Amino acid sequence: MPVKVGRILEGTVSGITNFGAFIDLPGGERGMVHISEVADAYVKDINDYLKQNDRVKVKVLSINGEGKISLSIRKAEEESQIPFEERLAQFFKESEERLSDIKNRDNKRGKGAWRGN
């Protein structure tokens, strides 16, 4: 699964610093969870929450132009609390938007003209 903003992925803690943790993601990518994104409570010592090689769910917050990936454990947990029906409705909405974008892009390129569209 490619790393995209908004996605929830599972990764492995590969390094811990006093300001956050580095997470190895699928596909060989690596991101960082800032200490403020580890838990809803104040985190004084990240080692109280994470250990090397822990498997964690993270939400991709941003990917900057240099390829740095910002992650959140806290927001991944919040999102997992959303009822299935709401997540499914959101998926369908995003899917329809993507399909509409693809159709618009194809129409601008002139595709579909041979089918009478």
PDB file of N, CA and C in Angstrom:
ATOM      1  N   MET A   1       0.854  -1.180   0.000  1.00  0.00           N
ATOM      2  CA  MET A   1       0.000   0.000   0.000  1.00  0.00           C
ATOM      3  C   MET A   1       0.895   1.236   0.000  1.00  0.00           C
ATOM      4  N   PRO A   2       0.719   2.111  -0.975  1.00  0.00           N
ATOM      5  CA  PRO A   2       1.577   3.299  -1.036  1.00  0.00           C
ATOM      6  C   PRO A   2       1.305   4.256   0.126  1.00  0.00           C
ATOM      7  N   VAL A   3       2.332   4.999   0.465  1.00  0.00           N
ATOM      8  CA  VAL A   3       2.225   5.975   1.546  1.00  0.00           C
ATOM      9  C   VAL A   3       1.611   7.251   0.965  1.00  0.00           C
ATOM     10  N   LYS A   4       0.411   7.597   1.459  1.00  0.00           N
ATOM     11  CA  LYS A   4      -0.285   8.803   1.018  1.00  0.00           C
ATOM     12  C   LYS A   4      -0.857   9.499   2.240  1.00  0.00           C
ATOM     13  N   VAL A   5      -0.961  10.803   2.162  1.00  0.00           N
ATOM     14  CA  VAL A   5      -1.516  11.591   3.260  1.00  0.00           C
ATOM     15  C   VAL A   5      -2.935  11.097   3.565  1.00  0.00           C
ATOM     16  N   GLY A   6      -3.200  10.893   4.844  1.00  0.00           N
ATOM     17  CA  GLY A   6      -4.514  10.448   5.290  1.00  0.00           C
ATOM     18  C   GLY A   6      -4.621   8.951   5.504  1.00  0.00           C
ATOM     19  N   ARG A   7      -3.698   8.194   4.950  1.00  0.00           N
ATOM     20  CA  ARG A   7      -3.737   6.734   5.084  1.00  0.00           C
ATOM     21  C   ARG A   7      -3.335   6.306   6.486  1.00  0.00           C
ATOM     22  N   ILE A   8      -3.920   5.189   6.915  1.00  0.00           N
ATOM     23  CA  ILE A   8      -3.502   4.561   8.166  1.00  0.00           C
ATOM     24  C   ILE A   8      -2.737   3.302   7.787  1.00  0.00           C
ATOM     25  N   LEU A   9      -1.517   3.204   8.310  1.00  0.00           N
ATOM     26  CA  LEU A   9      -0.621   2.105   7.985  1.00  0.00           C
ATOM     27  C   LEU A   9      -0.095   1.471   9.261  1.00  0.00           C
ATOM     28  N   GLU A  10       0.434   0.269   9.127  1.00  0.00           N
ATOM     29  CA  GLU A  10       1.102  -0.364  10.251  1.00  0.00           C
ATOM     30  C   GLU A  10       2.588  -0.344   9.977  1.00  0.00           C
ATOM     31  N   GLY A  11       3.351  -0.002  10.998  1.00  0.00           N
ATOM     32  CA  GLY A  11       4.796   0.075  10.854  1.00  0.00           C
ATOM     33  C   GLY A  11       5.496  -0.431  12.102  1.00  0.00           C
ATOM     34  N   THR A  12       6.816  -0.387  12.053  1.00  0.00           N
ATOM     35  CA  THR A  12       7.640  -0.872  13.151  1.00  0.00           C
ATOM     36  C   THR A  12       8.535   0.249  13.662  1.00  0.00           C
ATOM     37  N   VAL A  13       8.586   0.419  14.969  1.00  0.00           N
ATOM     38  CA  VAL A  13       9.456   1.424  15.577  1.00  0.00           C
ATOM     39  C   VAL A  13      10.904   1.014  15.314  1.00  0.00           C
ATOM     40  N   SER A  14      11.634   1.883  14.609  1.00  0.00           N
ATOM     41  CA  SER A  14      13.018   1.563  14.259  1.00  0.00           C
ATOM     42  C   SER A  14      14.029   2.426  15.009  1.00  0.00           C
ATOM     43  N   GLY A  15      13.545   3.477  15.659  1.00  0.00           N
ATOM     44  CA  GLY A  15      14.443   4.343  16.410  1.00  0.00           C
ATOM     45  C   GLY A  15      13.651   5.268  17.307  1.00  0.00           C
ATOM     46  N   ILE A  16      14.203   5.565  18.468  1.00  0.00           N
ATOM     47  CA  ILE A  16      13.538   6.443  19.427  1.00  0.00           C
ATOM     48  C   ILE A  16      14.505   7.554  19.820  1.00  0.00           C
ATOM     49  N   THR A  17      13.997   8.793  19.785  1.00  0.00           N
ATOM     50  CA  THR A  17      14.784   9.951  20.219  1.00  0.00           C
ATOM     51  C   THR A  17      13.996  10.669  21.305  1.00  0.00           C
ATOM     52  N   ASN A  18      14.557  11.726  21.860  1.00  0.00           N
ATOM     53  CA  ASN A  18      13.821  12.471  22.886  1.00  0.00           C
ATOM     54  C   ASN A  18      12.695  13.316  22.287  1.00  0.00           C
ATOM     55  N   PHE A  19      12.647  13.478  20.967  1.00  0.00           N
ATOM     56  CA  PHE A  19      11.600  14.285  20.333  1.00  0.00           C
ATOM     57  C   PHE A  19      10.590  13.463  19.538  1.00  0.00           C
ATOM     58  N   GLY A  20      10.783  12.144  19.438  1.00  0.00           N
ATOM     59  CA  GLY A  20       9.844  11.321  18.705  1.00  0.00           C
ATOM     60  C   GLY A  20      10.403   9.951  18.393  1.00  0.00           C
ATOM     61  N   ALA A  21       9.727   9.281  17.446  1.00  0.00           N
ATOM     62  CA  ALA A  21      10.142   7.934  17.064  1.00  0.00           C
ATOM     63  C   ALA A  21      10.113   7.796  15.553  1.00  0.00           C
ATOM     64  N   PHE A  22      11.063   7.033  15.030  1.00  0.00           N
ATOM     65  CA  PHE A  22      11.102   6.732  13.608  1.00  0.00           C
ATOM     66  C   PHE A  22      10.396   5.407  13.380  1.00  0.00           C
ATOM     67  N   ILE A  23       9.575   5.379  12.331  1.00  0.00           N
ATOM     68  CA  ILE A  23       8.751   4.216  12.048  1.00  0.00           C
ATOM     69  C   ILE A  23       9.069   3.721  10.636  1.00  0.00           C
ATOM     70  N   ASP A  24       9.421   2.433  10.524  1.00  0.00           N
ATOM     71  CA  ASP A  24       9.597   1.804   9.216  1.00  0.00           C
ATOM     72  C   ASP A  24       8.225   1.413   8.699  1.00  0.00           C
ATOM     73  N   LEU A  25       7.905   1.882   7.491  1.00  0.00           N
ATOM     74  CA  LEU A  25       6.602   1.678   6.878  1.00  0.00           C
ATOM     75  C   LEU A  25       6.697   0.660   5.745  1.00  0.00           C
ATOM     76  N   PRO A  26       5.556   0.173   5.264  1.00  0.00           N
ATOM     77  CA  PRO A  26       5.570  -0.743   4.116  1.00  0.00           C
ATOM     78  C   PRO A  26       6.248  -0.089   2.906  1.00  0.00           C
ATOM     79  N   GLY A  27       6.885  -0.892   2.097  1.00  0.00           N
ATOM     80  CA  GLY A  27       7.526  -0.378   0.890  1.00  0.00           C
ATOM     81  C   GLY A  27       8.884   0.234   1.138  1.00  0.00           C
ATOM     82  N   GLY A  28       9.440   0.034   2.322  1.00  0.00           N
ATOM     83  CA  GLY A  28      10.768   0.559   2.612  1.00  0.00           C
ATOM     84  C   GLY A  28      10.807   2.028   2.997  1.00  0.00           C
ATOM     85  N   GLU A  29       9.657   2.655   3.151  1.00  0.00           N
ATOM     86  CA  GLU A  29       9.602   4.066   3.554  1.00  0.00           C
ATOM     87  C   GLU A  29       9.838   4.185   5.057  1.00  0.00           C
ATOM     88  N   ARG A  30      10.233   5.372   5.495  1.00  0.00           N
ATOM     89  CA  ARG A  30      10.422   5.644   6.920  1.00  0.00           C
ATOM     90  C   ARG A  30       9.825   7.017   7.228  1.00  0.00           C
ATOM     91  N   GLY A  31       9.098   7.070   8.333  1.00  0.00           N
ATOM     92  CA  GLY A  31       8.506   8.324   8.764  1.00  0.00           C
ATOM     93  C   GLY A  31       8.814   8.572  10.223  1.00  0.00           C
ATOM     94  N   MET A  32       8.349   9.733  10.712  1.00  0.00           N
ATOM     95  CA  MET A  32       8.601  10.074  12.103  1.00  0.00           C
ATOM     96  C   MET A  32       7.319  10.506  12.799  1.00  0.00           C
ATOM     97  N   VAL A  33       7.154   9.998  14.018  1.00  0.00           N
ATOM     98  CA  VAL A  33       6.065  10.417  14.891  1.00  0.00           C
ATOM     99  C   VAL A  33       6.666  11.374  15.915  1.00  0.00           C
ATOM    100  N   HIS A  34       6.232  12.639  15.878  1.00  0.00           N
ATOM    101  CA  HIS A  34       6.696  13.610  16.884  1.00  0.00           C
ATOM    102  C   HIS A  34       6.119  13.199  18.234  1.00  0.00           C
ATOM    103  N   ILE A  35       6.820  13.509  19.296  1.00  0.00           N
ATOM    104  CA  ILE A  35       6.396  13.122  20.644  1.00  0.00           C
ATOM    105  C   ILE A  35       4.982  13.612  20.959  1.00  0.00           C
ATOM    106  N   SER A  36       4.569  14.740  20.387  1.00  0.00           N
ATOM    107  CA  SER A  36       3.218  15.274  20.624  1.00  0.00           C
ATOM    108  C   SER A  36       2.138  14.466  19.917  1.00  0.00           C
ATOM    109  N   GLU A  37       2.530  13.566  19.002  1.00  0.00           N
ATOM    110  CA  GLU A  37       1.569  12.756  18.252  1.00  0.00           C
ATOM    111  C   GLU A  37       1.549  11.293  18.707  1.00  0.00           C
ATOM    112  N   VAL A  38       2.177  11.017  19.861  1.00  0.00           N
ATOM    113  CA  VAL A  38       2.231   9.640  20.365  1.00  0.00           C
ATOM    114  C   VAL A  38       0.957   9.278  21.125  1.00  0.00           C
ATOM    115  N   ALA A  39       0.464  10.186  21.961  1.00  0.00           N
ATOM    116  CA  ALA A  39      -0.712   9.900  22.793  1.00  0.00           C
ATOM    117  C   ALA A  39      -1.479  11.182  23.065  1.00  0.00           C
ATOM    118  N   ASP A  40      -2.734  11.024  23.495  1.00  0.00           N
ATOM    119  CA  ASP A  40      -3.545  12.196  23.844  1.00  0.00           C
ATOM    120  C   ASP A  40      -3.040  12.867  25.111  1.00  0.00           C
ATOM    121  N   ALA A  41      -2.474  12.080  26.011  1.00  0.00           N
ATOM    122  CA  ALA A  41      -1.934  12.623  27.259  1.00  0.00           C
ATOM    123  C   ALA A  41      -0.564  13.246  27.002  1.00  0.00           C
ATOM    124  N   TYR A  42      -0.115  14.062  27.942  1.00  0.00           N
ATOM    125  CA  TYR A  42       1.215  14.650  27.856  1.00  0.00           C
ATOM    126  C   TYR A  42       2.256  13.531  27.955  1.00  0.00           C
ATOM    127  N   VAL A  43       3.180  13.513  27.010  1.00  0.00           N
ATOM    128  CA  VAL A  43       4.217  12.488  26.983  1.00  0.00           C
ATOM    129  C   VAL A  43       5.531  13.130  27.428  1.00  0.00           C
ATOM    130  N   LYS A  44       5.942  12.812  28.640  1.00  0.00           N
ATOM    131  CA  LYS A  44       7.205  13.346  29.161  1.00  0.00           C
ATOM    132  C   LYS A  44       8.372  12.511  28.645  1.00  0.00           C
ATOM    133  N   ASP A  45       8.208  11.183  28.685  1.00  0.00           N
ATOM    134  CA  ASP A  45       9.250  10.266  28.232  1.00  0.00           C
ATOM    135  C   ASP A  45       8.641   9.296  27.230  1.00  0.00           C
ATOM    136  N   ILE A  46       9.042   9.407  25.997  1.00  0.00           N
ATOM    137  CA  ILE A  46       8.489   8.572  24.928  1.00  0.00           C
ATOM    138  C   ILE A  46       8.715   7.083  25.187  1.00  0.00           C
ATOM    139  N   ASN A  47       9.755   6.765  25.952  1.00  0.00           N
ATOM    140  CA  ASN A  47      10.050   5.364  26.270  1.00  0.00           C
ATOM    141  C   ASN A  47       8.975   4.719  27.152  1.00  0.00           C
ATOM    142  N   ASP A  48       8.124   5.539  27.770  1.00  0.00           N
ATOM    143  CA  ASP A  48       7.004   5.008  28.539  1.00  0.00           C
ATOM    144  C   ASP A  48       5.897   4.497  27.612  1.00  0.00           C
ATOM    145  N   TYR A  49       5.939   4.884  26.342  1.00  0.00           N
ATOM    146  CA  TYR A  49       4.895   4.535  25.384  1.00  0.00           C
ATOM    147  C   TYR A  49       5.369   3.605  24.269  1.00  0.00           C
ATOM    148  N   LEU A  50       6.614   3.748  23.852  1.00  0.00           N
ATOM    149  CA  LEU A  50       7.117   2.990  22.708  1.00  0.00           C
ATOM    150  C   LEU A  50       8.450   2.325  23.015  1.00  0.00           C
ATOM    151  N   LYS A  51       8.646   1.183  22.404  1.00  0.00           N
ATOM    152  CA  LYS A  51       9.916   0.464  22.499  1.00  0.00           C
ATOM    153  C   LYS A  51      10.378   0.096  21.089  1.00  0.00           C
ATOM    154  N   GLN A  52      11.662  -0.099  20.928  1.00  0.00           N
ATOM    155  CA  GLN A  52      12.239  -0.541  19.657  1.00  0.00           C
ATOM    156  C   GLN A  52      11.514  -1.815  19.190  1.00  0.00           C
ATOM    157  N   ASN A  53      11.205  -1.887  17.905  1.00  0.00           N
ATOM    158  CA  ASN A  53      10.540  -3.026  17.247  1.00  0.00           C
ATOM    159  C   ASN A  53       9.063  -3.182  17.565  1.00  0.00           C
ATOM    160  N   ASP A  54       8.448  -2.242  18.304  1.00  0.00           N
ATOM    161  CA  ASP A  54       6.997  -2.274  18.510  1.00  0.00           C
ATOM    162  C   ASP A  54       6.299  -2.113  17.170  1.00  0.00           C
ATOM    163  N   ARG A  55       5.192  -2.839  16.978  1.00  0.00           N
ATOM    164  CA  ARG A  55       4.337  -2.645  15.805  1.00  0.00           C
ATOM    165  C   ARG A  55       3.282  -1.621  16.193  1.00  0.00           C
ATOM    166  N   VAL A  56       3.128  -0.575  15.365  1.00  0.00           N
ATOM    167  CA  VAL A  56       2.179   0.492  15.668  1.00  0.00           C
ATOM    168  C   VAL A  56       1.383   0.869  14.425  1.00  0.00           C
ATOM    169  N   LYS A  57       0.156   1.333  14.662  1.00  0.00           N
ATOM    170  CA  LYS A  57      -0.649   1.905  13.588  1.00  0.00           C
ATOM    171  C   LYS A  57      -0.418   3.403  13.600  1.00  0.00           C
ATOM    172  N   VAL A  58      -0.203   3.957  12.409  1.00  0.00           N
ATOM    173  CA  VAL A  58       0.054   5.389  12.281  1.00  0.00           C
ATOM    174  C   VAL A  58      -0.782   5.979  11.156  1.00  0.00           C
ATOM    175  N   LYS A  59      -1.091   7.250  11.298  1.00  0.00           N
ATOM    176  CA  LYS A  59      -1.769   7.983  10.231  1.00  0.00           C
ATOM    177  C   LYS A  59      -0.747   8.910   9.592  1.00  0.00           C
ATOM    178  N   VAL A  60      -0.727   8.955   8.265  1.00  0.00           N
ATOM    179  CA  VAL A  60       0.189   9.825   7.538  1.00  0.00           C
ATOM    180  C   VAL A  60      -0.393  11.236   7.557  1.00  0.00           C
ATOM    181  N   LEU A  61       0.322  12.156   8.222  1.00  0.00           N
ATOM    182  CA  LEU A  61      -0.140  13.545   8.337  1.00  0.00           C
ATOM    183  C   LEU A  61       0.304  14.384   7.153  1.00  0.00           C
ATOM    184  N   SER A  62       1.566  14.211   6.743  1.00  0.00           N
ATOM    185  CA  SER A  62       2.077  15.020   5.633  1.00  0.00           C
ATOM    186  C   SER A  62       3.319  14.360   5.052  1.00  0.00           C
ATOM    187  N   ILE A  63       3.595  14.732   3.805  1.00  0.00           N
ATOM    188  CA  ILE A  63       4.825  14.336   3.126  1.00  0.00           C
ATOM    189  C   ILE A  63       5.349  15.605   2.487  1.00  0.00           C
ATOM    190  N   ASN A  64       6.510  16.081   2.944  1.00  0.00           N
ATOM    191  CA  ASN A  64       7.007  17.342   2.402  1.00  0.00           C
ATOM    192  C   ASN A  64       7.757  17.108   1.093  1.00  0.00           C
ATOM    193  N   GLY A  65       8.191  18.158   0.471  1.00  0.00           N
ATOM    194  CA  GLY A  65       8.867  18.085  -0.820  1.00  0.00           C
ATOM    195  C   GLY A  65      10.155  17.295  -0.806  1.00  0.00           C
ATOM    196  N   GLU A  66      10.750  17.138   0.351  1.00  0.00           N
ATOM    197  CA  GLU A  66      11.987  16.372   0.478  1.00  0.00           C
ATOM    198  C   GLU A  66      11.712  14.906   0.789  1.00  0.00           C
ATOM    199  N   GLY A  67      10.430  14.522   0.843  1.00  0.00           N
ATOM    200  CA  GLY A  67      10.072  13.137   1.116  1.00  0.00           C
ATOM    201  C   GLY A  67       9.982  12.784   2.586  1.00  0.00           C
ATOM    202  N   LYS A  68      10.068  13.775   3.475  1.00  0.00           N
ATOM    203  CA  LYS A  68       9.940  13.500   4.902  1.00  0.00           C
ATOM    204  C   LYS A  68       8.471  13.235   5.226  1.00  0.00           C
ATOM    205  N   ILE A  69       8.236  12.123   5.929  1.00  0.00           N
ATOM    206  CA  ILE A  69       6.876  11.684   6.229  1.00  0.00           C
ATOM    207  C   ILE A  69       6.579  11.920   7.697  1.00  0.00           C
ATOM    208  N   SER A  70       5.534  12.720   7.951  1.00  0.00           N
ATOM    209  CA  SER A  70       5.106  13.023   9.315  1.00  0.00           C
ATOM    210  C   SER A  70       3.942  12.109   9.668  1.00  0.00           C
ATOM    211  N   LEU A  71       4.034  11.432  10.824  1.00  0.00           N
ATOM    212  CA  LEU A  71       3.057  10.424  11.223  1.00  0.00           C
ATOM    213  C   LEU A  71       2.434  10.757  12.576  1.00  0.00           C
ATOM    214  N   SER A  72       1.279  10.121  12.856  1.00  0.00           N
ATOM    215  CA  SER A  72       0.621  10.284  14.151  1.00  0.00           C
ATOM    216  C   SER A  72       0.043   8.954  14.616  1.00  0.00           C
ATOM    217  N   ILE A  73       0.422   8.526  15.796  1.00  0.00           N
ATOM    218  CA  ILE A  73      -0.194   7.351  16.419  1.00  0.00           C
ATOM    219  C   ILE A  73      -1.529   7.765  17.020  1.00  0.00           C
ATOM    220  N   ARG A  74      -1.544   8.928  17.619  1.00  0.00           N
ATOM    221  CA  ARG A  74      -2.733   9.457  18.288  1.00  0.00           C
ATOM    222  C   ARG A  74      -3.924   9.551  17.330  1.00  0.00           C
ATOM    223  N   LYS A  75      -3.692  10.104  16.150  1.00  0.00           N
ATOM    224  CA  LYS A  75      -4.787  10.282  15.182  1.00  0.00           C
ATOM    225  C   LYS A  75      -5.204   8.962  14.548  1.00  0.00           C
ATOM    226  N   ALA A  76      -4.286   8.013  14.445  1.00  0.00           N
ATOM    227  CA  ALA A  76      -4.648   6.682  13.936  1.00  0.00           C
ATOM    228  C   ALA A  76      -5.595   6.000  14.913  1.00  0.00           C
ATOM    229  N   GLU A  77      -5.343   6.160  16.195  1.00  0.00           N
ATOM    230  CA  GLU A  77      -6.219   5.574  17.213  1.00  0.00           C
ATOM    231  C   GLU A  77      -7.582   6.251  17.214  1.00  0.00           C
ATOM    232  N   GLU A  78      -7.601   7.579  17.070  1.00  0.00           N
ATOM    233  CA  GLU A  78      -8.871   8.313  17.022  1.00  0.00           C
ATOM    234  C   GLU A  78      -9.715   7.829  15.857  1.00  0.00           C
ATOM    235  N   GLU A  79      -9.078   7.674  14.707  1.00  0.00           N
ATOM    236  CA  GLU A  79      -9.810   7.277  13.509  1.00  0.00           C
ATOM    237  C   GLU A  79     -10.342   5.858  13.616  1.00  0.00           C
ATOM    238  N   SER A  80      -9.638   4.996  14.330  1.00  0.00           N
ATOM    239  CA  SER A  80     -10.113   3.619  14.475  1.00  0.00           C
ATOM    240  C   SER A  80     -11.359   3.562  15.354  1.00  0.00           C
ATOM    241  N   GLN A  81     -11.663   4.648  16.082  1.00  0.00           N
ATOM    242  CA  GLN A  81     -12.864   4.708  16.916  1.00  0.00           C
ATOM    243  C   GLN A  81     -14.103   5.122  16.109  1.00  0.00           C
ATOM    244  N   ILE A  82     -13.915   5.581  14.880  1.00  0.00           N
ATOM    245  CA  ILE A  82     -15.035   5.993  14.035  1.00  0.00           C
ATOM    246  C   ILE A  82     -15.810   4.744  13.623  1.00  0.00           C
ATOM    247  N   PRO A  83     -17.142   4.771  13.740  1.00  0.00           N
ATOM    248  CA  PRO A  83     -17.938   3.597  13.362  1.00  0.00           C
ATOM    249  C   PRO A  83     -17.716   3.183  11.907  1.00  0.00           C
ATOM    250  N   PHE A  84     -17.847   1.898  11.670  1.00  0.00           N
ATOM    251  CA  PHE A  84     -17.608   1.337  10.344  1.00  0.00           C
ATOM    252  C   PHE A  84     -18.438   2.038   9.274  1.00  0.00           C
ATOM    253  N   GLU A  85     -19.701   2.318   9.561  1.00  0.00           N
ATOM    254  CA  GLU A  85     -20.589   2.923   8.573  1.00  0.00           C
ATOM    255  C   GLU A  85     -20.073   4.293   8.127  1.00  0.00           C
ATOM    256  N   GLU A  86     -19.553   5.064   9.079  1.00  0.00           N
ATOM    257  CA  GLU A  86     -19.015   6.383   8.726  1.00  0.00           C
ATOM    258  C   GLU A  86     -17.749   6.249   7.876  1.00  0.00           C
ATOM    259  N   ARG A  87     -16.892   5.292   8.223  1.00  0.00           N
ATOM    260  CA  ARG A  87     -15.676   5.077   7.422  1.00  0.00           C
ATOM    261  C   ARG A  87     -16.031   4.615   6.020  1.00  0.00           C
ATOM    262  N   LEU A  88     -17.042   3.742   5.897  1.00  0.00           N
ATOM    263  CA  LEU A  88     -17.471   3.260   4.592  1.00  0.00           C
ATOM    264  C   LEU A  88     -18.048   4.406   3.754  1.00  0.00           C
ATOM    265  N   ALA A  89     -18.858   5.246   4.368  1.00  0.00           N
ATOM    266  CA  ALA A  89     -19.424   6.396   3.656  1.00  0.00           C
ATOM    267  C   ALA A  89     -18.309   7.329   3.177  1.00  0.00           C
ATOM    268  N   GLN A  90     -17.305   7.553   4.024  1.00  0.00           N
ATOM    269  CA  GLN A  90     -16.175   8.401   3.638  1.00  0.00           C
ATOM    270  C   GLN A  90     -15.410   7.774   2.477  1.00  0.00           C
ATOM    271  N   PHE A  91     -15.217   6.454   2.523  1.00  0.00           N
ATOM    272  CA  PHE A  91     -14.528   5.760   1.440  1.00  0.00           C
ATOM    273  C   PHE A  91     -15.269   5.945   0.121  1.00  0.00           C
ATOM    274  N   PHE A  92     -16.602   5.757   0.128  1.00  0.00           N
ATOM    275  CA  PHE A  92     -17.388   5.908  -1.096  1.00  0.00           C
ATOM    276  C   PHE A  92     -17.316   7.343  -1.621  1.00  0.00           C
ATOM    277  N   LYS A  93     -17.368   8.313  -0.723  1.00  0.00           N
ATOM    278  CA  LYS A  93     -17.282   9.716  -1.133  1.00  0.00           C
ATOM    279  C   LYS A  93     -15.942   9.997  -1.814  1.00  0.00           C
ATOM    280  N   GLU A  94     -14.845   9.564  -1.176  1.00  0.00           N
ATOM    281  CA  GLU A  94     -13.519   9.783  -1.759  1.00  0.00           C
ATOM    282  C   GLU A  94     -13.359   9.027  -3.067  1.00  0.00           C
ATOM    283  N   SER A  95     -13.917   7.827  -3.149  1.00  0.00           N
ATOM    284  CA  SER A  95     -13.838   7.026  -4.361  1.00  0.00           C
ATOM    285  C   SER A  95     -14.570   7.718  -5.517  1.00  0.00           C
ATOM    286  N   GLU A  96     -15.751   8.240  -5.245  1.00  0.00           N
ATOM    287  CA  GLU A  96     -16.517   8.966  -6.271  1.00  0.00           C
ATOM    288  C   GLU A  96     -15.759  10.205  -6.737  1.00  0.00           C
ATOM    289  N   GLU A  97     -15.110  10.913  -5.802  1.00  0.00           N
ATOM    290  CA  GLU A  97     -14.339  12.099  -6.170  1.00  0.00           C
ATOM    291  C   GLU A  97     -13.159  11.728  -7.067  1.00  0.00           C
ATOM    292  N   ARG A  98     -12.474  10.649  -6.727  1.00  0.00           N
ATOM    293  CA  ARG A  98     -11.340  10.213  -7.553  1.00  0.00           C
ATOM    294  C   ARG A  98     -11.810   9.787  -8.938  1.00  0.00           C
ATOM    295  N   LEU A  99     -12.923   9.045  -8.998  1.00  0.00           N
ATOM    296  CA  LEU A  99     -13.462   8.603 -10.281  1.00  0.00           C
ATOM    297  C   LEU A  99     -13.872   9.803 -11.137  1.00  0.00           C
ATOM    298  N   SER A 100     -14.474  10.795 -10.515  1.00  0.00           N
ATOM    299  CA  SER A 100     -14.870  12.005 -11.229  1.00  0.00           C
ATOM    300  C   SER A 100     -13.642  12.738 -11.775  1.00  0.00           C
ATOM    301  N   ASP A 101     -12.577  12.822 -10.964  1.00  0.00           N
ATOM    302  CA  ASP A 101     -11.339  13.463 -11.414  1.00  0.00           C
ATOM    303  C   ASP A 101     -10.752  12.732 -12.619  1.00  0.00           C
ATOM    304  N   ILE A 102     -10.772  11.410 -12.582  1.00  0.00           N
ATOM    305  CA  ILE A 102     -10.231  10.615 -13.693  1.00  0.00           C
ATOM    306  C   ILE A 102     -11.060  10.837 -14.955  1.00  0.00           C
ATOM    307  N   LYS A 103     -12.382  10.830 -14.813  1.00  0.00           N
ATOM    308  CA  LYS A 103     -13.250  11.060 -15.971  1.00  0.00           C
ATOM    309  C   LYS A 103     -13.021  12.450 -16.560  1.00  0.00           C
ATOM    310  N   ASN A 104     -12.899  13.464 -15.711  1.00  0.00           N
ATOM    311  CA  ASN A 104     -12.652  14.821 -16.192  1.00  0.00           C
ATOM    312  C   ASN A 104     -11.318  14.918 -16.909  1.00  0.00           C
ATOM    313  N   ARG A 105     -10.298  14.264 -16.366  1.00  0.00           N
ATOM    314  CA  ARG A 105      -8.974  14.290 -16.977  1.00  0.00           C
ATOM    315  C   ARG A 105      -9.012  13.595 -18.343  1.00  0.00           C
ATOM    316  N   ASP A 106      -9.709  12.467 -18.423  1.00  0.00           N
ATOM    317  CA  ASP A 106      -9.812  11.747 -19.695  1.00  0.00           C
ATOM    318  C   ASP A 106     -10.581  12.564 -20.736  1.00  0.00           C
ATOM    319  N   ASN A 107     -11.636  13.255 -20.313  1.00  0.00           N
ATOM    320  CA  ASN A 107     -12.404  14.078 -21.246  1.00  0.00           C
ATOM    321  C   ASN A 107     -11.566  15.234 -21.781  1.00  0.00           C
ATOM    322  N   LYS A 108     -10.707  15.801 -20.943  1.00  0.00           N
ATOM    323  CA  LYS A 108      -9.837  16.889 -21.390  1.00  0.00           C
ATOM    324  C   LYS A 108      -8.814  16.393 -22.403  1.00  0.00           C
ATOM    325  N   ARG A 109      -8.436  15.143 -22.302  1.00  0.00           N
ATOM    326  CA  ARG A 109      -7.465  14.559 -23.225  1.00  0.00           C
ATOM    327  C   ARG A 109      -8.119  14.074 -24.511  1.00  0.00           C
ATOM    328  N   GLY A 110      -9.445  14.099 -24.538  1.00  0.00           N
ATOM    329  CA  GLY A 110     -10.141  13.668 -25.740  1.00  0.00           C
ATOM    330  C   GLY A 110     -10.428  12.192 -25.796  1.00  0.00           C
ATOM    331  N   LYS A 111     -10.201  11.474 -24.714  1.00  0.00           N
ATOM    332  CA  LYS A 111     -10.496  10.056 -24.696  1.00  0.00           C
ATOM    333  C   LYS A 111     -11.992   9.865 -24.647  1.00  0.00           C
ATOM    334  N   GLY A 112     -12.463   8.802 -25.200  1.00  0.00           N
ATOM    335  CA  GLY A 112     -13.879   8.509 -25.195  1.00  0.00           C
ATOM    336  C   GLY A 112     -14.586   9.091 -26.412  1.00  0.00           C
ATOM    337  N   ALA A 113     -13.919   9.879 -27.239  1.00  0.00           N
ATOM    338  CA  ALA A 113     -14.556  10.488 -28.410  1.00  0.00           C
ATOM    339  C   ALA A 113     -14.988   9.433 -29.414  1.00  0.00           C
ATOM    340  N   TRP A 114     -14.274   8.337 -29.509  1.00  0.00           N
ATOM    341  CA  TRP A 114     -14.622   7.284 -30.468  1.00  0.00           C
ATOM    342  C   TRP A 114     -15.842   6.492 -30.023  1.00  0.00           C
ATOM    343  N   ARG A 115     -16.188   6.595 -28.773  1.00  0.00           N
ATOM    344  CA  ARG A 115     -17.359   5.856 -28.284  1.00  0.00           C
ATOM    345  C   ARG A 115     -18.602   6.748 -28.308  1.00  0.00           C
ATOM    346  N   GLY A 116     -18.465   7.919 -28.867  1.00  0.00           N
ATOM    347  CA  GLY A 116     -19.615   8.820 -28.950  1.00  0.00           C
ATOM    348  C   GLY A 116     -19.850   9.615 -27.682  1.00  0.00           C
ATOM    349  N   ASN A 117     -18.850   9.682 -26.798  1.00  0.00           N
ATOM    350  CA  ASN A 117     -18.994  10.432 -25.540  1.00  0.00           C
ATOM    351  C   ASN A 117     -18.671  11.888 -25.734  1.00  0.00           C
TER     352      ASN A 117
END
